[in-house]
Amino acid sequence: MSLTVHYFNRNSEQLIDCKNVYETDEKFFQDNNIKVSMEELSGNIIVYGCPYSDKSEESEVIVFAGNKSCEDTLSELVISCRKHFGVEE
């Protein structure tokens, strides 16, 4: 799954191919046109989900990874996106 990694200390971003994602979660992001991005902030990994149609990114959903795996963090992001964007299971 493609996602954008933001490097604010370098004022840059990079599109990467994330392999650590459950197939059902990847399908959710693709089927619902949700852009996934991430950054590290003060040692914390933060993952964002936002519809591609929202160019302002004002509606983005945020999940902190904490000690969770990448897969579990993205699953939590799916749950948050479903609630926030009103997407049925």
N, C-alpha and C. Protein backbone atom coordinates (compact mmCIF):
# COMPACT_ATOMS: atom_id res chain seq x y z
N MET A 1 0.84 -1.17 0.00
CA MET A 1 0.00 0.00 0.00
C MET A 1 0.89 1.23 0.00
N SER A 2 0.57 2.18 -0.84
CA SER A 2 1.33 3.43 -0.89
C SER A 2 0.89 4.35 0.23
N LEU A 3 1.86 4.95 0.88
CA LEU A 3 1.57 5.99 1.86
C LEU A 3 2.68 7.02 1.84
N THR A 4 2.36 8.20 2.30
CA THR A 4 3.31 9.32 2.30
C THR A 4 3.92 9.47 3.68
N VAL A 5 5.24 9.55 3.72
CA VAL A 5 5.95 9.82 4.96
C VAL A 5 6.40 11.27 4.93
N HIS A 6 6.01 12.03 5.95
CA HIS A 6 6.38 13.45 6.04
C HIS A 6 7.64 13.57 6.90
N TYR A 7 8.60 14.32 6.40
CA TYR A 7 9.84 14.61 7.13
C TYR A 7 9.88 16.12 7.34
N PHE A 8 9.28 16.58 8.43
CA PHE A 8 9.17 18.01 8.64
C PHE A 8 10.52 18.65 8.97
N ASN A 9 11.42 17.90 9.56
CA ASN A 9 12.74 18.46 9.85
C ASN A 9 13.54 18.72 8.58
N ARG A 10 13.17 18.03 7.48
CA ARG A 10 13.82 18.24 6.18
C ARG A 10 12.89 18.94 5.20
N ASN A 11 11.67 19.26 5.67
CA ASN A 11 10.67 19.89 4.81
C ASN A 11 10.47 19.12 3.51
N SER A 12 10.29 17.80 3.66
CA SER A 12 10.10 16.95 2.48
C SER A 12 9.15 15.81 2.82
N GLU A 13 8.77 15.10 1.79
CA GLU A 13 7.94 13.92 1.96
C GLU A 13 8.35 12.87 0.94
N GLN A 14 8.00 11.63 1.24
CA GLN A 14 8.38 10.51 0.38
C GLN A 14 7.23 9.53 0.30
N LEU A 15 6.90 9.09 -0.89
CA LEU A 15 5.89 8.06 -1.09
C LEU A 15 6.58 6.71 -0.96
N ILE A 16 6.06 5.86 -0.05
CA ILE A 16 6.67 4.55 0.16
C ILE A 16 5.62 3.46 -0.07
N ASP A 17 6.08 2.24 -0.25
CA ASP A 17 5.20 1.09 -0.38
C ASP A 17 5.23 0.34 0.95
N CYS A 18 4.16 0.46 1.71
CA CYS A 18 4.06 -0.17 3.02
C CYS A 18 3.56 -1.60 2.84
N LYS A 19 4.33 -2.56 3.30
CA LYS A 19 3.97 -3.98 3.22
C LYS A 19 3.29 -4.48 4.49
N ASN A 20 3.44 -3.73 5.59
CA ASN A 20 2.92 -4.16 6.89
C ASN A 20 1.51 -3.64 7.11
N VAL A 21 0.59 -4.16 6.29
CA VAL A 21 -0.81 -3.76 6.38
C VAL A 21 -1.69 -4.98 6.09
N TYR A 22 -2.75 -5.15 6.86
CA TYR A 22 -3.68 -6.24 6.59
C TYR A 22 -4.40 -5.97 5.27
N GLU A 23 -4.64 -7.04 4.50
CA GLU A 23 -5.28 -6.90 3.19
C GLU A 23 -6.62 -6.20 3.29
N THR A 24 -7.41 -6.53 4.30
CA THR A 24 -8.73 -5.92 4.43
C THR A 24 -8.63 -4.42 4.70
N ASP A 25 -7.60 -4.01 5.44
CA ASP A 25 -7.41 -2.58 5.71
C ASP A 25 -6.95 -1.85 4.45
N GLU A 26 -6.03 -2.45 3.72
CA GLU A 26 -5.57 -1.85 2.47
C GLU A 26 -6.76 -1.66 1.52
N LYS A 27 -7.61 -2.68 1.45
CA LYS A 27 -8.79 -2.61 0.58
C LYS A 27 -9.72 -1.49 1.03
N PHE A 28 -9.90 -1.32 2.34
CA PHE A 28 -10.74 -0.24 2.85
C PHE A 28 -10.22 1.12 2.38
N PHE A 29 -8.92 1.36 2.56
CA PHE A 29 -8.36 2.66 2.16
C PHE A 29 -8.52 2.88 0.65
N GLN A 30 -8.27 1.85 -0.13
CA GLN A 30 -8.40 1.97 -1.58
C GLN A 30 -9.86 2.18 -1.99
N ASP A 31 -10.76 1.36 -1.49
CA ASP A 31 -12.18 1.43 -1.87
C ASP A 31 -12.81 2.76 -1.48
N ASN A 32 -12.32 3.39 -0.42
CA ASN A 32 -12.89 4.63 0.06
C ASN A 32 -12.05 5.86 -0.27
N ASN A 33 -11.05 5.67 -1.12
CA ASN A 33 -10.20 6.78 -1.59
C ASN A 33 -9.64 7.61 -0.43
N ILE A 34 -9.06 6.90 0.53
CA ILE A 34 -8.47 7.56 1.69
C ILE A 34 -6.95 7.53 1.58
N LYS A 35 -6.38 8.71 1.64
CA LYS A 35 -4.92 8.86 1.61
C LYS A 35 -4.39 8.60 3.01
N VAL A 36 -3.35 7.78 3.08
CA VAL A 36 -2.72 7.47 4.37
C VAL A 36 -1.33 8.10 4.37
N SER A 37 -1.01 8.77 5.46
CA SER A 37 0.32 9.36 5.61
C SER A 37 0.77 9.19 7.04
N MET A 38 2.04 9.45 7.26
CA MET A 38 2.59 9.28 8.61
C MET A 38 3.75 10.23 8.82
N GLU A 39 4.07 10.42 10.09
CA GLU A 39 5.23 11.22 10.47
C GLU A 39 5.68 10.79 11.85
N GLU A 40 6.90 11.16 12.19
CA GLU A 40 7.40 10.97 13.54
C GLU A 40 7.46 12.34 14.19
N LEU A 41 6.87 12.45 15.36
CA LEU A 41 6.84 13.72 16.07
C LEU A 41 7.24 13.47 17.51
N SER A 42 8.36 14.00 17.91
CA SER A 42 8.88 13.84 19.27
C SER A 42 8.96 12.37 19.67
N GLY A 43 9.39 11.53 18.75
CA GLY A 43 9.57 10.12 19.02
C GLY A 43 8.31 9.28 18.88
N ASN A 44 7.18 9.91 18.56
CA ASN A 44 5.92 9.20 18.38
C ASN A 44 5.59 9.08 16.90
N ILE A 45 5.15 7.90 16.48
CA ILE A 45 4.68 7.71 15.11
C ILE A 45 3.20 8.06 15.07
N ILE A 46 2.85 8.94 14.15
CA ILE A 46 1.47 9.38 13.99
C ILE A 46 1.04 9.03 12.57
N VAL A 47 -0.14 8.44 12.46
CA VAL A 47 -0.66 8.03 11.15
C VAL A 47 -1.94 8.81 10.89
N TYR A 48 -2.10 9.27 9.66
CA TYR A 48 -3.24 10.10 9.27
C TYR A 48 -4.02 9.42 8.15
N GLY A 49 -5.33 9.62 8.16
CA GLY A 49 -6.19 9.18 7.08
C GLY A 49 -7.07 10.33 6.66
N CYS A 50 -7.16 10.57 5.35
CA CYS A 50 -7.94 11.69 4.85
C CYS A 50 -8.40 11.38 3.43
N PRO A 51 -9.66 11.67 3.10
CA PRO A 51 -10.11 11.45 1.73
C PRO A 51 -9.25 12.26 0.74
N TYR A 52 -8.93 11.66 -0.37
CA TYR A 52 -8.17 12.37 -1.40
C TYR A 52 -8.90 13.63 -1.84
N SER A 53 -10.24 13.61 -1.76
CA SER A 53 -11.03 14.75 -2.21
C SER A 53 -10.89 15.97 -1.30
N ASP A 54 -10.40 15.79 -0.07
CA ASP A 54 -10.23 16.90 0.87
C ASP A 54 -8.82 17.47 0.73
N LYS A 55 -8.66 18.39 -0.18
CA LYS A 55 -7.33 18.98 -0.45
C LYS A 55 -6.80 19.78 0.74
N SER A 56 -7.70 20.31 1.58
CA SER A 56 -7.27 21.08 2.75
C SER A 56 -6.81 20.17 3.88
N GLU A 57 -7.20 18.90 3.82
CA GLU A 57 -6.90 17.90 4.85
C GLU A 57 -7.48 18.25 6.22
N GLU A 58 -8.50 19.11 6.24
CA GLU A 58 -9.14 19.50 7.50
C GLU A 58 -9.90 18.36 8.14
N SER A 59 -10.30 17.36 7.34
CA SER A 59 -11.09 16.26 7.89
C SER A 59 -10.25 15.06 8.30
N GLU A 60 -8.93 15.20 8.25
CA GLU A 60 -8.09 14.03 8.49
C GLU A 60 -8.28 13.46 9.90
N VAL A 61 -8.11 12.15 9.98
CA VAL A 61 -8.21 11.40 11.22
C VAL A 61 -6.79 11.05 11.66
N ILE A 62 -6.54 11.12 12.95
CA ILE A 62 -5.19 10.91 13.49
C ILE A 62 -5.18 9.74 14.46
N VAL A 63 -4.16 8.88 14.33
CA VAL A 63 -3.96 7.76 15.25
C VAL A 63 -2.49 7.75 15.68
N PHE A 64 -2.25 7.63 16.97
CA PHE A 64 -0.90 7.50 17.50
C PHE A 64 -0.55 6.02 17.58
N ALA A 65 0.60 5.64 17.06
CA ALA A 65 1.00 4.24 17.03
C ALA A 65 1.32 3.70 18.42
N GLY A 66 1.94 4.49 19.24
CA GLY A 66 2.35 4.00 20.56
C GLY A 66 3.22 2.76 20.40
N ASN A 67 2.87 1.69 21.08
CA ASN A 67 3.64 0.43 20.99
C ASN A 67 2.99 -0.58 20.05
N LYS A 68 2.00 -0.14 19.30
CA LYS A 68 1.31 -1.06 18.38
C LYS A 68 2.14 -1.30 17.14
N SER A 69 1.91 -2.45 16.52
CA SER A 69 2.57 -2.76 15.24
C SER A 69 1.99 -1.86 14.15
N CYS A 70 2.66 -1.81 13.03
CA CYS A 70 2.16 -1.04 11.89
C CYS A 70 0.78 -1.55 11.49
N GLU A 71 0.63 -2.86 11.40
CA GLU A 71 -0.65 -3.47 11.02
C GLU A 71 -1.77 -3.04 11.97
N ASP A 72 -1.51 -3.13 13.27
CA ASP A 72 -2.54 -2.79 14.25
C ASP A 72 -2.85 -1.30 14.27
N THR A 73 -1.84 -0.49 14.02
CA THR A 73 -2.06 0.97 13.95
C THR A 73 -2.94 1.31 12.76
N LEU A 74 -2.68 0.69 11.62
CA LEU A 74 -3.50 0.95 10.43
C LEU A 74 -4.91 0.41 10.62
N SER A 75 -5.07 -0.68 11.34
CA SER A 75 -6.41 -1.19 11.65
C SER A 75 -7.18 -0.21 12.53
N GLU A 76 -6.49 0.39 13.48
CA GLU A 76 -7.12 1.40 14.32
C GLU A 76 -7.52 2.62 13.48
N LEU A 77 -6.69 2.96 12.50
CA LEU A 77 -7.00 4.07 11.61
C LEU A 77 -8.26 3.76 10.79
N VAL A 78 -8.41 2.52 10.35
CA VAL A 78 -9.63 2.12 9.63
C VAL A 78 -10.85 2.34 10.52
N ILE A 79 -10.79 1.89 11.76
CA ILE A 79 -11.91 2.05 12.69
C ILE A 79 -12.25 3.53 12.87
N SER A 80 -11.22 4.35 13.06
CA SER A 80 -11.44 5.79 13.24
C SER A 80 -12.01 6.43 11.98
N CYS A 81 -11.52 6.02 10.82
CA CYS A 81 -12.04 6.56 9.55
C CYS A 81 -13.49 6.16 9.35
N ARG A 82 -13.83 4.92 9.66
CA ARG A 82 -15.23 4.47 9.54
C ARG A 82 -16.14 5.36 10.37
N LYS A 83 -15.75 5.63 11.60
CA LYS A 83 -16.56 6.45 12.50
C LYS A 83 -16.64 7.89 11.99
N HIS A 84 -15.49 8.46 11.67
CA HIS A 84 -15.40 9.87 11.30
C HIS A 84 -16.06 10.18 9.96
N PHE A 85 -15.89 9.28 8.99
CA PHE A 85 -16.41 9.51 7.65
C PHE A 85 -17.74 8.80 7.39
N GLY A 86 -18.26 8.08 8.39
CA GLY A 86 -19.55 7.43 8.27
C GLY A 86 -19.58 6.29 7.28
N VAL A 87 -18.50 5.51 7.24
CA VAL A 87 -18.42 4.38 6.31
C VAL A 87 -18.87 3.11 7.01
N GLU A 88 -19.85 2.45 6.45
CA GLU A 88 -20.37 1.21 7.04
C GLU A 88 -19.40 0.06 6.82
N GLU A 89 -19.48 -0.94 7.69
CA GLU A 89 -18.65 -2.14 7.53
C GLU A 89 -19.21 -3.03 6.46
